[in-house]
């Protein structure tokens, strides 16, 4: 039985409310506040008690989040490391890795990115060709990753790399936590049609990662990768309080800001963590009322369809997070959440510009809501790709939820060395070239 179930939700509510009353101080810096949260366990209440959590289930998480919102308190540090990396290390890592890698995530002093996608593998993640070769207490990494969000500011990355060329593609992978700031890692931003460079391509040339930062055994990386993707598709399960965006100053600069200033800025953006995507007043229902379009029958139907689908997706996320709390990791239901998110995003993409009319073509500060609708429209294609394409989610649900036969997979047991994958083969290491 989880801690929250044993002590009761009312007791959890009373305890977190009392803790906030005694500790929440808008004059603290973000770094000071996140350290307090880390020490208290309230920042990530579903994490284990011995690792900066409270051991609560999903219901307990909801109670804690409500208390933070009522107090208008800044939430826990966010990012791919907190959403996916921490839970994966807790589940698949050893005691040493939990002690070393989890604390900087809990207190927000580190941000991680995700080195998964490759230009030659597409949606077939198991065909990743980036290679890691053992060299004493380190591994030497060569290859390329793409569509890596946040790589320009990340401290570490979750790296999926080939460690055994003679094993089948799913069995020859390693899962590493690699330091980004080193000579062998080159990050190149990819400019998007939004005008931003959220994504990056990353080149590894004799980069090094310690053997101590290999999660699990060599060849077992696929299991950790699947867990990572399940958390990504299910959304951020540990979030409490008002969201936080790092902004242009980066994580280090943000740690020195006061939490009061951050909460004020977040409230002005509607409490969202990413000001480029949405601000308060840009939901289709609110836009339809603002621009006088609710009297149009077809528009009204589409707006209500968006509202209903959004609510269903919220309930799907709640179910996925509850399953993760019960099982220890999200199951295939996370694919349903991912698909619903894609559908809602596409509907929002079509509705937003239509509701604004000619103003929907505008961007920048002079546009309605500072161009948030246009930004959301231009950003929308990435939703159907990130975390696994919609087509991959259909396959997962068909096989793991509905029990349908697997698609033909003739290369599943073939040694990776014999496969013709993508347009590039893994580069030989310096030792192999001799």
Protein backbone atom coordinates (compact mmCIF):
# COMPACT_ATOMS: atom_id res chain seq x y z
CA UNK A 1 0.00 0.00 0.00
CA UNK A 2 1.28 3.46 -0.92
CA UNK A 3 1.91 6.12 1.68
CA UNK A 4 -0.96 8.28 0.44
CA UNK A 5 -3.41 5.40 0.67
CA UNK A 6 -2.27 4.53 4.19
CA UNK A 7 -2.52 7.98 5.66
CA UNK A 8 -5.53 9.15 3.66
CA UNK A 9 -5.87 11.97 1.21
CA UNK A 10 -7.20 14.39 3.82
CA UNK A 11 -4.05 13.94 5.86
CA UNK A 12 -1.93 14.46 2.74
CA UNK A 13 -3.82 17.68 2.01
CA UNK A 14 -3.36 18.94 5.55
CA UNK A 15 0.33 18.10 5.58
CA UNK A 16 1.22 19.74 2.27
CA UNK A 17 -0.91 22.80 3.07
CA UNK A 18 0.87 23.24 6.38
CA UNK A 19 4.27 22.77 4.72
CA UNK A 20 3.46 25.42 2.11
CA UNK A 21 2.24 27.84 4.77
CA UNK A 22 5.53 27.45 6.60
CA UNK A 23 7.91 27.46 3.63
CA UNK A 24 6.47 29.23 0.58
CA UNK A 25 8.27 32.57 0.24
CA UNK A 26 8.13 34.58 -3.03
CA UNK A 27 11.40 36.28 -2.05
CA UNK A 28 13.39 33.05 -2.33
CA UNK A 29 15.33 32.42 -5.52
CA UNK A 30 14.17 29.64 -7.79
CA UNK A 31 17.26 27.64 -6.83
CA UNK A 32 16.55 28.00 -3.11
CA UNK A 33 12.90 27.06 -3.55
CA UNK A 34 13.65 24.01 -5.69
CA UNK A 35 16.17 22.79 -3.12
CA UNK A 36 13.47 23.08 -0.44
CA UNK A 37 11.05 21.15 -2.63
CA UNK A 38 13.68 18.51 -3.30
CA UNK A 39 14.42 18.02 0.39
CA UNK A 40 10.72 17.90 1.30
CA UNK A 41 9.60 15.40 -1.35
CA UNK A 42 6.60 17.55 -2.33
CA UNK A 43 8.03 18.52 -5.71
CA UNK A 44 7.76 14.96 -7.11
CA UNK A 45 5.32 13.28 -4.71
CA UNK A 46 4.97 10.07 -6.77
CA UNK A 47 8.71 9.35 -6.56
CA UNK A 48 9.94 7.02 -3.78
CA UNK A 49 10.39 8.50 -0.32
CA UNK A 50 14.10 7.62 -0.33
CA UNK A 51 14.56 9.50 -3.62
CA UNK A 52 13.06 12.96 -3.13
CA UNK A 53 9.43 11.87 -3.25
CA UNK A 54 6.52 10.96 -1.01
CA UNK A 55 5.58 7.58 -2.45
CA UNK A 56 2.07 8.83 -3.28
CA UNK A 57 -0.29 7.42 -5.86
CA UNK A 58 -2.05 9.46 -8.53
CA UNK A 59 -4.83 10.61 -6.21
CA UNK A 60 -2.23 11.94 -3.80
CA UNK A 61 -0.48 13.76 -6.64
CA UNK A 62 -3.76 15.49 -7.48
CA UNK A 63 -4.23 16.61 -3.89
CA UNK A 64 -0.68 17.99 -3.71
CA UNK A 65 -1.05 19.82 -7.01
CA UNK A 66 -4.31 21.42 -5.87
CA UNK A 67 -2.61 22.65 -2.70
CA UNK A 68 0.25 24.21 -4.70
CA UNK A 69 -2.16 25.91 -7.06
CA UNK A 70 -4.24 27.25 -4.18
CA UNK A 71 -1.08 28.71 -2.62
CA UNK A 72 0.04 30.07 -6.03
CA UNK A 73 3.36 28.36 -5.40
CA UNK A 74 5.95 27.69 -8.07
CA UNK A 75 6.02 24.05 -9.12
CA UNK A 76 8.85 21.57 -9.33
CA UNK A 77 11.56 21.89 -12.00
CA UNK A 78 10.37 20.62 -15.36
CA UNK A 79 11.97 19.19 -18.47
CA UNK A 80 12.69 15.89 -20.20
CA UNK A 81 15.02 14.82 -17.41
CA UNK A 82 12.33 15.22 -14.77
CA UNK A 83 9.54 13.85 -16.96
CA UNK A 84 11.39 10.80 -18.27
CA UNK A 85 15.02 10.58 -17.13
CA UNK A 86 14.40 10.54 -13.39
CA UNK A 87 11.67 7.87 -13.50
CA UNK A 88 13.77 5.71 -15.85
CA UNK A 89 16.85 5.90 -13.62
CA UNK A 90 14.70 5.10 -10.58
CA UNK A 91 13.22 2.08 -12.35
CA UNK A 92 16.15 0.71 -14.36
CA UNK A 93 19.25 2.17 -12.69
CA UNK A 94 21.34 0.87 -9.81
CA UNK A 95 21.72 2.40 -6.34
CA UNK A 96 24.83 4.38 -7.30
CA UNK A 97 23.09 5.91 -10.33
CA UNK A 98 20.04 6.84 -8.30
CA UNK A 99 22.23 8.56 -5.74
CA UNK A 100 24.27 10.48 -8.36
CA UNK A 101 21.85 11.25 -11.19
CA UNK A 102 18.49 11.86 -9.53
CA UNK A 103 19.36 14.71 -7.06
CA UNK A 104 20.30 17.29 -9.76
CA UNK A 105 16.99 16.59 -11.47
CA UNK A 106 15.02 16.91 -8.25
CA UNK A 107 16.55 20.26 -7.33
CA UNK A 108 16.60 21.64 -10.88
CA UNK A 109 20.35 22.16 -11.20
CA UNK A 110 20.48 19.92 -14.28
CA UNK A 111 18.45 19.67 -17.45
CA UNK A 112 18.53 16.64 -19.75
CA UNK A 113 17.71 16.03 -23.40
CA UNK A 114 16.87 12.85 -25.31
CA UNK A 115 19.27 11.36 -27.89
CA UNK A 116 16.96 8.85 -29.59
CA UNK A 117 15.89 9.74 -33.16
CA UNK A 118 18.31 9.26 -36.05
CA UNK A 119 18.11 10.36 -39.70
CA UNK A 120 18.64 6.81 -40.94
CA UNK A 121 16.23 5.00 -38.59
CA UNK A 122 13.02 7.02 -38.82
CA UNK A 123 10.24 5.55 -36.71
CA UNK A 124 12.16 2.28 -36.32
CA UNK A 125 13.97 3.35 -33.15
CA UNK A 126 15.44 -0.12 -32.61
CA UNK A 127 17.46 0.39 -35.80
CA UNK A 128 19.51 3.18 -34.20
CA UNK A 129 23.03 3.05 -35.65
CA UNK A 130 24.87 5.44 -33.34
CA UNK A 131 27.54 3.24 -31.85
CA UNK A 132 29.18 2.92 -28.44
CA UNK A 133 32.35 0.84 -28.06
CA UNK A 134 33.79 -0.11 -24.66
CA UNK A 135 37.19 1.38 -23.83
CA UNK A 136 38.12 0.44 -20.26
CA UNK A 137 35.88 2.30 -17.84
CA UNK A 138 34.38 4.38 -20.66
CA UNK A 139 32.46 3.96 -23.89
CA UNK A 140 33.41 5.79 -27.11
CA UNK A 141 30.37 7.11 -29.01
CA UNK A 142 30.14 7.87 -32.74
CA UNK A 143 27.04 8.71 -34.74
CA UNK A 144 24.29 11.25 -35.25
CA UNK A 145 20.98 12.11 -33.58
CA UNK A 146 18.28 14.49 -34.79
CA UNK A 147 15.17 16.34 -33.55
CA UNK A 148 16.78 16.63 -30.12
CA UNK A 149 14.78 19.15 -28.08
CA UNK A 150 16.78 21.37 -25.73
CA UNK A 151 20.22 20.00 -26.64
CA UNK A 152 21.71 23.52 -26.73
CA UNK A 153 21.13 24.02 -23.00
CA UNK A 154 21.12 20.43 -21.68
CA UNK A 155 23.68 19.21 -19.15
CA UNK A 156 23.18 15.52 -19.92
CA UNK A 157 21.35 13.41 -22.48
CA UNK A 158 19.56 10.08 -22.47
CA UNK A 159 21.48 8.25 -25.21
CA UNK A 160 20.40 5.11 -27.04
CA UNK A 161 23.41 3.61 -28.83
CA UNK A 162 24.43 0.34 -30.49
CA UNK A 163 26.76 -1.69 -28.24
CA UNK A 164 26.65 -5.06 -30.02
CA UNK A 165 26.70 -5.27 -33.82
CA UNK A 166 26.20 -9.04 -33.79
CA UNK A 167 23.00 -9.02 -31.72
CA UNK A 168 19.53 -8.43 -33.24
CA UNK A 169 18.56 -4.79 -33.35
CA UNK A 170 16.40 -4.83 -30.19
CA UNK A 171 19.00 -6.75 -28.16
CA UNK A 172 22.20 -4.88 -28.99
CA UNK A 173 21.42 -1.44 -27.56
CA UNK A 174 22.79 0.41 -24.56
CA UNK A 175 21.09 3.23 -22.64
CA UNK A 176 23.54 5.86 -21.37
CA UNK A 177 23.34 9.17 -19.51
CA UNK A 178 25.99 11.16 -21.34
CA UNK A 179 27.44 14.59 -20.57
CA UNK A 180 26.67 17.04 -23.38
CA UNK A 181 29.39 19.62 -22.72
CA UNK A 182 32.42 17.78 -24.11
CA UNK A 183 34.58 18.11 -27.26
CA UNK A 184 33.06 15.06 -28.97
CA UNK A 185 29.47 16.38 -28.94
CA UNK A 186 28.50 18.97 -31.55
CA UNK A 187 25.00 20.49 -31.36
CA UNK A 188 23.54 22.28 -34.39
CA UNK A 189 20.17 24.07 -34.01
CA UNK A 190 17.44 23.36 -36.57
CA UNK A 191 15.43 26.48 -37.46
CA UNK A 192 11.71 25.72 -37.59
CA UNK A 193 8.93 27.49 -39.46
CA UNK A 194 7.87 28.94 -36.09
CA UNK A 195 11.05 31.01 -36.17
CA UNK A 196 12.49 29.16 -33.17
CA UNK A 197 15.14 26.45 -32.97
CA UNK A 198 13.67 24.09 -30.41
CA UNK A 199 15.07 21.04 -32.19
CA UNK A 200 18.72 20.22 -32.88
CA UNK A 201 20.86 17.73 -34.75
CA UNK A 202 23.72 16.33 -32.72
CA UNK A 203 26.96 14.73 -33.94
CA UNK A 204 29.04 12.40 -31.77
CA UNK A 205 32.70 12.06 -32.75
CA UNK A 206 34.66 9.93 -30.28
CA UNK A 207 32.52 11.30 -27.46
CA UNK A 208 32.94 9.55 -24.14
CA UNK A 209 30.56 8.34 -21.48
CA UNK A 210 31.50 6.53 -18.27
CA UNK A 211 30.56 2.87 -17.93
CA UNK A 212 29.07 3.85 -14.58
CA UNK A 213 26.48 5.86 -16.54
CA UNK A 214 25.22 2.85 -18.51
CA UNK A 215 21.68 2.15 -17.30
CA UNK A 216 21.27 -1.59 -16.92
CA UNK A 217 23.49 -4.08 -18.72
CA UNK A 218 24.98 -3.70 -22.21
CA UNK A 219 22.32 -4.84 -24.68
CA UNK A 220 19.39 -4.10 -22.35
CA UNK A 221 18.85 -0.55 -23.57
CA UNK A 222 15.60 -1.28 -25.39
CA UNK A 223 13.69 -1.88 -22.15
CA UNK A 224 14.76 1.49 -20.74
CA UNK A 225 13.98 3.16 -24.08
CA UNK A 226 10.43 1.77 -24.08
CA UNK A 227 9.92 3.04 -20.53
CA UNK A 228 11.22 6.46 -21.56
CA UNK A 229 8.79 6.69 -24.47
CA UNK A 230 5.87 5.60 -22.30
CA UNK A 231 6.56 8.45 -19.89
CA UNK A 232 6.94 10.87 -22.80
CA UNK A 233 3.60 9.86 -24.33
CA UNK A 234 1.79 9.98 -21.00
CA UNK A 235 2.92 13.52 -20.20
CA UNK A 236 4.55 14.99 -17.13
CA UNK A 237 3.24 13.02 -14.15
CA UNK A 238 5.14 14.76 -11.37
CA UNK A 239 4.12 18.36 -12.02
CA UNK A 240 2.78 20.40 -9.14
CA UNK A 241 2.03 24.09 -8.89
CA UNK A 242 2.41 26.86 -11.46
CA UNK A 243 4.47 25.96 -14.52
CA UNK A 244 7.89 27.39 -15.26
CA UNK A 245 9.66 28.21 -18.53
CA UNK A 246 13.43 28.67 -18.52
CA UNK A 247 13.37 31.42 -21.13
CA UNK A 248 16.31 32.75 -23.07
CA UNK A 249 18.57 33.03 -20.04
CA UNK A 250 18.87 29.29 -19.61
CA UNK A 251 18.48 27.13 -16.54
CA UNK A 252 21.47 28.53 -14.65
CA UNK A 253 20.27 32.11 -14.97
CA UNK A 254 16.74 31.08 -14.02
CA UNK A 255 17.93 29.64 -10.71
CA UNK A 256 18.86 33.15 -9.57
CA UNK A 257 15.43 34.66 -10.28
CA UNK A 258 12.98 35.09 -7.42
CA UNK A 259 10.04 32.71 -7.41
CA UNK A 260 7.68 35.66 -7.01
CA UNK A 261 8.80 37.13 -10.34
CA UNK A 262 8.51 33.74 -12.07
CA UNK A 263 4.99 33.11 -10.73
CA UNK A 264 3.88 36.57 -11.87
CA UNK A 265 5.25 35.98 -15.36
CA UNK A 266 3.67 32.51 -15.53
CA UNK A 267 0.29 33.89 -14.45
CA UNK A 268 0.44 36.51 -17.18
CA UNK A 269 0.89 33.66 -19.67
CA UNK A 270 -2.04 31.73 -18.24
CA UNK A 271 0.13 29.46 -16.09
CA UNK A 272 1.61 27.70 -19.11
CA UNK A 273 5.22 26.57 -19.16
CA UNK A 274 5.86 27.56 -22.79
CA UNK A 275 4.82 31.09 -23.75
CA UNK A 276 5.40 30.39 -27.46
CA UNK A 277 2.61 27.84 -27.72
CA UNK A 278 -0.31 29.16 -25.72
CA UNK A 279 -1.42 31.98 -23.49
CA UNK A 280 -4.62 32.55 -21.60
CA UNK A 281 -7.61 33.26 -23.84
CA UNK A 282 -6.41 31.24 -26.86
CA UNK A 283 -8.53 28.11 -26.45
CA UNK A 284 -11.02 27.72 -29.35
CA UNK A 285 -13.97 28.20 -27.01
CA UNK A 286 -12.62 31.50 -25.66
CA UNK A 287 -11.54 32.68 -29.11
CA UNK A 288 -14.97 31.89 -30.57
CA UNK A 289 -16.60 34.06 -27.92
CA UNK A 290 -14.06 36.86 -28.30
CA UNK A 291 -14.45 37.05 -32.09
CA UNK A 292 -18.23 36.53 -32.13
CA UNK A 293 -18.25 33.18 -33.91
CA UNK A 294 -20.37 31.11 -31.51
CA UNK A 295 -23.55 31.91 -33.44
CA UNK A 296 -22.26 29.92 -36.44
CA UNK A 297 -23.61 26.33 -36.18
CA UNK A 298 -20.66 24.56 -37.84
CA UNK A 299 -18.10 26.60 -35.88
CA UNK A 300 -20.00 25.95 -32.66
CA UNK A 301 -20.00 22.20 -33.31
CA UNK A 302 -16.27 22.14 -34.03
CA UNK A 303 -15.51 24.21 -30.93
CA UNK A 304 -17.52 21.86 -28.75
CA UNK A 305 -15.85 18.85 -30.38
CA UNK A 306 -12.49 20.34 -29.45
CA UNK A 307 -13.66 21.00 -25.89
CA UNK A 308 -14.98 17.46 -25.48
CA UNK A 309 -11.89 15.81 -27.00
CA UNK A 310 -9.65 17.93 -24.77
CA UNK A 311 -11.56 16.84 -21.69
CA UNK A 312 -11.41 13.18 -22.77
CA UNK A 313 -7.68 13.50 -23.27
CA UNK A 314 -7.29 14.96 -19.79
CA UNK A 315 -9.07 11.91 -18.39
CA UNK A 316 -6.87 9.63 -20.52
CA UNK A 317 -3.79 11.31 -19.03
CA UNK A 318 -5.18 10.78 -15.55
CA UNK A 319 -5.76 7.12 -16.30
CA UNK A 320 -2.26 6.71 -17.75
CA UNK A 321 -0.64 8.35 -14.72
CA UNK A 322 -2.73 6.24 -12.36
CA UNK A 323 -1.57 3.13 -14.21
CA UNK A 324 2.04 4.32 -13.97
CA UNK A 325 1.67 4.81 -10.22
CA UNK A 326 0.15 1.35 -9.84
CA UNK A 327 2.49 -0.60 -12.15
CA UNK A 328 5.65 1.42 -11.67
CA UNK A 329 5.68 2.60 -15.31
CA UNK A 330 3.12 3.67 -17.93
CA UNK A 331 1.64 0.89 -20.04
CA UNK A 332 0.44 0.88 -23.66
CA UNK A 333 -2.45 3.15 -22.66
CA UNK A 334 0.02 6.01 -22.98
CA UNK A 335 -0.26 5.55 -26.75
CA UNK A 336 -3.96 6.43 -26.53
CA UNK A 337 -3.04 9.67 -24.76
CA UNK A 338 -0.47 10.43 -27.43
CA UNK A 339 -2.95 9.86 -30.26
CA UNK A 340 -5.64 11.96 -28.63
CA UNK A 341 -3.14 14.76 -28.15
CA UNK A 342 -2.33 14.63 -31.88
CA UNK A 343 -6.02 14.74 -32.81
CA UNK A 344 -6.78 17.65 -30.49
CA UNK A 345 -3.73 19.55 -31.76
CA UNK A 346 -4.78 19.15 -35.39
CA UNK A 347 -8.30 20.32 -34.59
CA UNK A 348 -6.87 23.32 -32.73
CA UNK A 349 -4.58 24.00 -35.71
CA UNK A 350 -7.59 24.26 -38.03
CA UNK A 351 -9.89 26.09 -35.65
CA UNK A 352 -7.59 28.84 -34.41
CA UNK A 353 -6.89 30.62 -37.73
CA UNK A 354 -10.49 30.09 -38.84
CA UNK A 355 -11.84 31.81 -35.74
CA UNK A 356 -9.48 34.77 -36.15
CA UNK A 357 -10.18 35.19 -39.86
CA UNK A 358 -7.63 37.35 -41.65
CA UNK A 359 -5.93 38.11 -38.31
CA UNK A 360 -4.97 34.42 -38.14
CA UNK A 361 -2.23 35.12 -40.68
CA UNK A 362 -0.49 37.57 -38.35
CA UNK A 363 2.42 36.79 -36.07
CA UNK A 364 4.36 38.76 -33.49
CA UNK A 365 3.38 41.28 -30.85
CA UNK A 366 0.88 43.07 -33.12
CA UNK A 367 -1.16 39.91 -33.72
CA UNK A 368 -4.09 38.88 -31.49
CA UNK A 369 -2.76 37.39 -28.25
CA UNK A 370 0.79 38.23 -29.37
CA UNK A 371 0.62 35.65 -32.16
CA UNK A 372 0.06 32.65 -29.90
CA UNK A 373 -2.55 31.19 -32.26
CA UNK A 374 -0.18 31.40 -35.23
CA UNK A 375 2.62 29.86 -33.18
CA UNK A 376 0.40 26.96 -32.11
CA UNK A 377 -0.63 26.39 -35.74
CA UNK A 378 2.95 26.31 -37.00
CA UNK A 379 4.09 24.13 -34.10
CA UNK A 380 1.30 21.56 -34.55
CA UNK A 381 3.02 19.08 -36.95
CA UNK A 382 5.62 18.19 -34.32
CA UNK A 383 2.93 16.76 -32.01
CA UNK A 384 2.24 13.88 -34.41
CA UNK A 385 5.95 12.99 -34.52
CA UNK A 386 7.41 13.59 -31.06
CA UNK A 387 7.36 10.56 -28.79
CA UNK A 388 6.71 8.21 -31.71
CA UNK A 389 4.59 8.88 -34.78
CA UNK A 390 0.84 8.37 -34.80
CA UNK A 391 1.34 5.32 -37.00
CA UNK A 392 3.60 3.73 -34.38
CA UNK A 393 0.97 4.37 -31.70
CA UNK A 394 -1.65 2.58 -33.80
CA UNK A 395 0.63 -0.45 -34.04
CA UNK A 396 1.27 -0.46 -30.29
CA UNK A 397 -2.42 -0.31 -29.45
CA UNK A 398 -3.28 -2.96 -32.01
CA UNK A 399 -0.68 -5.42 -30.73
CA UNK A 400 -0.53 -4.71 -26.98
CA UNK A 401 -4.09 -3.57 -26.24
CA UNK A 402 -6.29 -5.29 -28.82
CA UNK A 403 -4.13 -8.41 -29.16
CA UNK A 404 -3.93 -8.24 -32.96
CA UNK A 405 -1.15 -10.14 -34.76
CA UNK A 406 2.18 -8.38 -35.06
CA UNK A 407 3.16 -6.84 -38.36
CA UNK A 408 5.66 -8.95 -40.34
CA UNK A 409 9.08 -8.33 -38.80
CA UNK A 410 11.58 -10.37 -40.81
CA UNK A 411 14.64 -8.65 -39.37
CA UNK A 412 13.82 -9.00 -35.69
CA UNK A 413 16.26 -11.88 -35.06
CA UNK A 414 18.87 -10.95 -37.68
CA UNK A 415 22.24 -9.66 -36.41
CA UNK A 416 22.32 -5.89 -36.82
CA UNK A 417 25.59 -6.12 -38.74
CA UNK A 418 23.73 -7.87 -41.58
CA UNK A 419 20.93 -5.31 -41.89
CA UNK A 420 20.79 -2.51 -44.44
CA UNK A 421 19.41 0.29 -42.27
CA UNK A 422 18.90 3.84 -43.49
CA UNK A 423 21.40 5.58 -45.73
CA UNK A 424 24.39 5.54 -43.42
CA UNK A 425 26.27 2.75 -41.74
CA UNK A 426 27.83 3.23 -38.28
CA UNK A 427 31.28 4.76 -38.58
CA UNK A 428 34.19 2.53 -37.59
CA UNK A 429 35.95 3.40 -34.40
CA UNK A 430 39.62 4.49 -34.53
CA UNK A 431 40.69 1.05 -33.24
CA UNK A 432 38.68 -0.76 -35.95
CA UNK A 433 40.12 1.49 -38.64
CA UNK A 434 43.70 0.50 -37.75
